[in-house]
Amino acid sequence: MEGITKSAAIELAGTGVRVNIVGPVETRMSNHFAQTKENKANFLDAQVPNKRIGTPEEIANAIAFIASD
């Protein structure tokens, strides 16, 4: 998703269209796929610079901010 987002942002840069990505978000589904604390820790170490997953409320606030003027 990051690669597609970066490509779209570059492609649309001069058109006034902003392209963003938010996440990851902690949900029942993401916890189900992690299955173990070790899997979740490995994902955080490899993919998330601040080593924590956002809550649904944090992601909603980020999206509301990005969508605002």
N, C-alpha and C. Protein backbone atom coordinates (compact mmCIF):
# COMPACT_ATOMS: atom_id res chain seq x y z
N MET A 1 0.81 -1.19 0.00
CA MET A 1 0.00 0.00 0.00
C MET A 1 0.86 1.26 0.00
N GLU A 2 1.98 1.21 0.71
CA GLU A 2 2.83 2.39 0.76
C GLU A 2 3.37 2.73 -0.63
N GLY A 3 3.77 1.73 -1.38
CA GLY A 3 4.30 1.97 -2.72
C GLY A 3 3.26 2.57 -3.65
N ILE A 4 2.05 2.04 -3.61
CA ILE A 4 0.96 2.56 -4.43
C ILE A 4 0.65 3.99 -4.03
N THR A 5 0.63 4.26 -2.73
CA THR A 5 0.33 5.60 -2.24
C THR A 5 1.39 6.59 -2.70
N LYS A 6 2.66 6.23 -2.57
CA LYS A 6 3.75 7.11 -3.01
C LYS A 6 3.67 7.37 -4.51
N SER A 7 3.43 6.32 -5.28
CA SER A 7 3.33 6.48 -6.74
C SER A 7 2.17 7.39 -7.11
N ALA A 8 1.02 7.19 -6.48
CA ALA A 8 -0.15 8.03 -6.77
C ALA A 8 0.11 9.47 -6.36
N ALA A 9 0.76 9.68 -5.22
CA ALA A 9 1.07 11.04 -4.76
C ALA A 9 1.98 11.75 -5.75
N ILE A 10 2.97 11.07 -6.25
CA ILE A 10 3.89 11.66 -7.24
C ILE A 10 3.15 11.95 -8.54
N GLU A 11 2.37 10.98 -8.99
CA GLU A 11 1.63 11.12 -10.26
C GLU A 11 0.64 12.28 -10.21
N LEU A 12 0.00 12.49 -9.06
CA LEU A 12 -1.06 13.50 -8.95
C LEU A 12 -0.59 14.81 -8.32
N ALA A 13 0.70 14.95 -8.08
CA ALA A 13 1.24 16.10 -7.34
C ALA A 13 0.81 17.44 -7.92
N GLY A 14 0.78 17.60 -9.20
CA GLY A 14 0.45 18.89 -9.81
C GLY A 14 -1.02 19.14 -10.04
N THR A 15 -1.87 18.21 -9.63
CA THR A 15 -3.30 18.33 -9.94
C THR A 15 -4.15 18.86 -8.79
N GLY A 16 -3.55 19.04 -7.62
CA GLY A 16 -4.32 19.47 -6.46
C GLY A 16 -4.91 18.32 -5.68
N VAL A 17 -4.65 17.09 -6.10
CA VAL A 17 -5.15 15.92 -5.40
C VAL A 17 -4.07 15.45 -4.43
N ARG A 18 -4.43 15.31 -3.16
CA ARG A 18 -3.50 14.79 -2.16
C ARG A 18 -3.76 13.31 -1.96
N VAL A 19 -2.70 12.56 -1.81
CA VAL A 19 -2.81 11.12 -1.59
C VAL A 19 -2.11 10.79 -0.28
N ASN A 20 -2.83 10.17 0.64
CA ASN A 20 -2.29 9.84 1.95
C ASN A 20 -2.63 8.41 2.31
N ILE A 21 -1.90 7.89 3.26
CA ILE A 21 -2.19 6.57 3.82
C ILE A 21 -2.13 6.71 5.34
N VAL A 22 -3.04 6.06 6.02
CA VAL A 22 -3.03 6.05 7.48
C VAL A 22 -3.08 4.60 7.95
N GLY A 23 -2.47 4.38 9.08
CA GLY A 23 -2.49 3.04 9.64
C GLY A 23 -1.11 2.67 10.11
N PRO A 24 -0.91 1.54 10.62
CA PRO A 24 -1.90 0.50 10.86
C PRO A 24 -2.80 0.83 12.03
N VAL A 25 -3.92 0.17 12.08
CA VAL A 25 -4.89 0.39 13.14
C VAL A 25 -5.16 -0.92 13.87
N GLU A 26 -5.27 -0.83 15.19
CA GLU A 26 -5.54 -2.02 15.99
C GLU A 26 -7.04 -2.31 16.02
N THR A 27 -7.41 -3.44 15.49
CA THR A 27 -8.80 -3.88 15.46
C THR A 27 -8.85 -5.35 15.87
N ARG A 28 -10.05 -5.85 16.05
CA ARG A 28 -10.19 -7.29 16.33
C ARG A 28 -9.59 -8.11 15.19
N MET A 29 -9.78 -7.66 13.96
CA MET A 29 -9.27 -8.42 12.82
C MET A 29 -7.73 -8.41 12.81
N SER A 30 -7.11 -7.24 13.04
CA SER A 30 -5.65 -7.20 13.03
C SER A 30 -5.09 -8.04 14.18
N ASN A 31 -5.74 -8.02 15.32
CA ASN A 31 -5.30 -8.85 16.44
C ASN A 31 -5.47 -10.33 16.12
N HIS A 32 -6.53 -10.68 15.40
CA HIS A 32 -6.75 -12.07 15.01
C HIS A 32 -5.63 -12.56 14.10
N PHE A 33 -5.21 -11.73 13.14
CA PHE A 33 -4.16 -12.14 12.22
C PHE A 33 -2.79 -12.21 12.89
N ALA A 34 -2.55 -11.35 13.88
CA ALA A 34 -1.28 -11.40 14.60
C ALA A 34 -1.19 -12.69 15.41
N GLN A 35 -2.27 -13.11 16.00
CA GLN A 35 -2.43 -14.35 16.77
C GLN A 35 -1.57 -14.43 18.02
N THR A 36 -0.32 -14.02 17.98
CA THR A 36 0.53 -14.08 19.17
C THR A 36 1.18 -12.73 19.42
N LYS A 37 1.56 -12.50 20.65
CA LYS A 37 2.27 -11.26 20.99
C LYS A 37 3.60 -11.18 20.24
N GLU A 38 4.23 -12.32 20.01
CA GLU A 38 5.51 -12.34 19.29
C GLU A 38 5.33 -11.89 17.84
N ASN A 39 4.28 -12.37 17.18
CA ASN A 39 4.01 -11.94 15.80
C ASN A 39 3.75 -10.44 15.75
N LYS A 40 2.98 -9.93 16.70
CA LYS A 40 2.67 -8.51 16.75
C LYS A 40 3.95 -7.71 16.99
N ALA A 41 4.80 -8.16 17.91
CA ALA A 41 6.05 -7.48 18.20
C ALA A 41 6.97 -7.47 16.98
N ASN A 42 7.03 -8.58 16.26
CA ASN A 42 7.86 -8.65 15.04
C ASN A 42 7.36 -7.67 13.99
N PHE A 43 6.03 -7.57 13.83
CA PHE A 43 5.46 -6.62 12.88
C PHE A 43 5.82 -5.19 13.28
N LEU A 44 5.66 -4.87 14.54
CA LEU A 44 5.96 -3.52 15.00
C LEU A 44 7.43 -3.19 14.78
N ASP A 45 8.31 -4.12 15.09
CA ASP A 45 9.74 -3.88 14.90
C ASP A 45 10.09 -3.65 13.44
N ALA A 46 9.43 -4.38 12.55
CA ALA A 46 9.77 -4.31 11.13
C ALA A 46 9.07 -3.17 10.39
N GLN A 47 7.87 -2.78 10.82
CA GLN A 47 7.05 -1.90 9.99
C GLN A 47 6.66 -0.56 10.62
N VAL A 48 6.72 -0.43 11.93
CA VAL A 48 6.15 0.73 12.58
C VAL A 48 7.24 1.47 13.36
N PRO A 49 7.65 2.67 12.88
CA PRO A 49 8.76 3.38 13.53
C PRO A 49 8.55 3.66 15.01
N ASN A 50 7.35 4.03 15.43
CA ASN A 50 7.15 4.37 16.84
C ASN A 50 6.72 3.16 17.68
N LYS A 51 6.69 1.99 17.09
CA LYS A 51 6.45 0.72 17.78
C LYS A 51 5.09 0.61 18.46
N ARG A 52 4.09 1.30 17.93
CA ARG A 52 2.73 1.13 18.43
C ARG A 52 1.76 1.29 17.28
N ILE A 53 0.63 0.58 17.39
CA ILE A 53 -0.41 0.63 16.38
C ILE A 53 -1.46 1.64 16.83
N GLY A 54 -1.98 2.41 15.90
CA GLY A 54 -2.99 3.41 16.23
C GLY A 54 -4.32 2.80 16.61
N THR A 55 -5.05 3.54 17.42
CA THR A 55 -6.39 3.12 17.78
C THR A 55 -7.36 3.57 16.69
N PRO A 56 -8.54 2.97 16.62
CA PRO A 56 -9.52 3.43 15.63
C PRO A 56 -9.83 4.92 15.77
N GLU A 57 -9.87 5.43 17.00
CA GLU A 57 -10.17 6.85 17.21
C GLU A 57 -9.05 7.74 16.66
N GLU A 58 -7.79 7.33 16.86
CA GLU A 58 -6.66 8.10 16.34
C GLU A 58 -6.67 8.13 14.82
N ILE A 59 -6.96 7.00 14.21
CA ILE A 59 -7.01 6.93 12.75
C ILE A 59 -8.16 7.78 12.22
N ALA A 60 -9.32 7.73 12.88
CA ALA A 60 -10.46 8.56 12.46
C ALA A 60 -10.11 10.04 12.55
N ASN A 61 -9.43 10.45 13.62
CA ASN A 61 -9.02 11.85 13.75
C ASN A 61 -8.03 12.24 12.66
N ALA A 62 -7.10 11.37 12.33
CA ALA A 62 -6.14 11.66 11.26
C ALA A 62 -6.86 11.82 9.91
N ILE A 63 -7.79 10.95 9.64
CA ILE A 63 -8.54 11.04 8.39
C ILE A 63 -9.38 12.31 8.33
N ALA A 64 -10.02 12.66 9.44
CA ALA A 64 -10.80 13.91 9.48
C ALA A 64 -9.90 15.12 9.23
N PHE A 65 -8.70 15.12 9.79
CA PHE A 65 -7.77 16.22 9.57
C PHE A 65 -7.32 16.27 8.10
N ILE A 66 -6.95 15.14 7.56
CA ILE A 66 -6.50 15.10 6.16
C ILE A 66 -7.60 15.54 5.21
N ALA A 67 -8.84 15.18 5.51
CA ALA A 67 -9.96 15.52 4.62
C ALA A 67 -10.42 16.97 4.77
N SER A 68 -9.95 17.65 5.81
CA SER A 68 -10.40 19.03 6.05
C SER A 68 -9.64 20.00 5.15
N ASP A 69 -10.16 21.22 5.08
CA ASP A 69 -9.47 22.26 4.33
C ASP A 69 -8.20 22.67 5.05
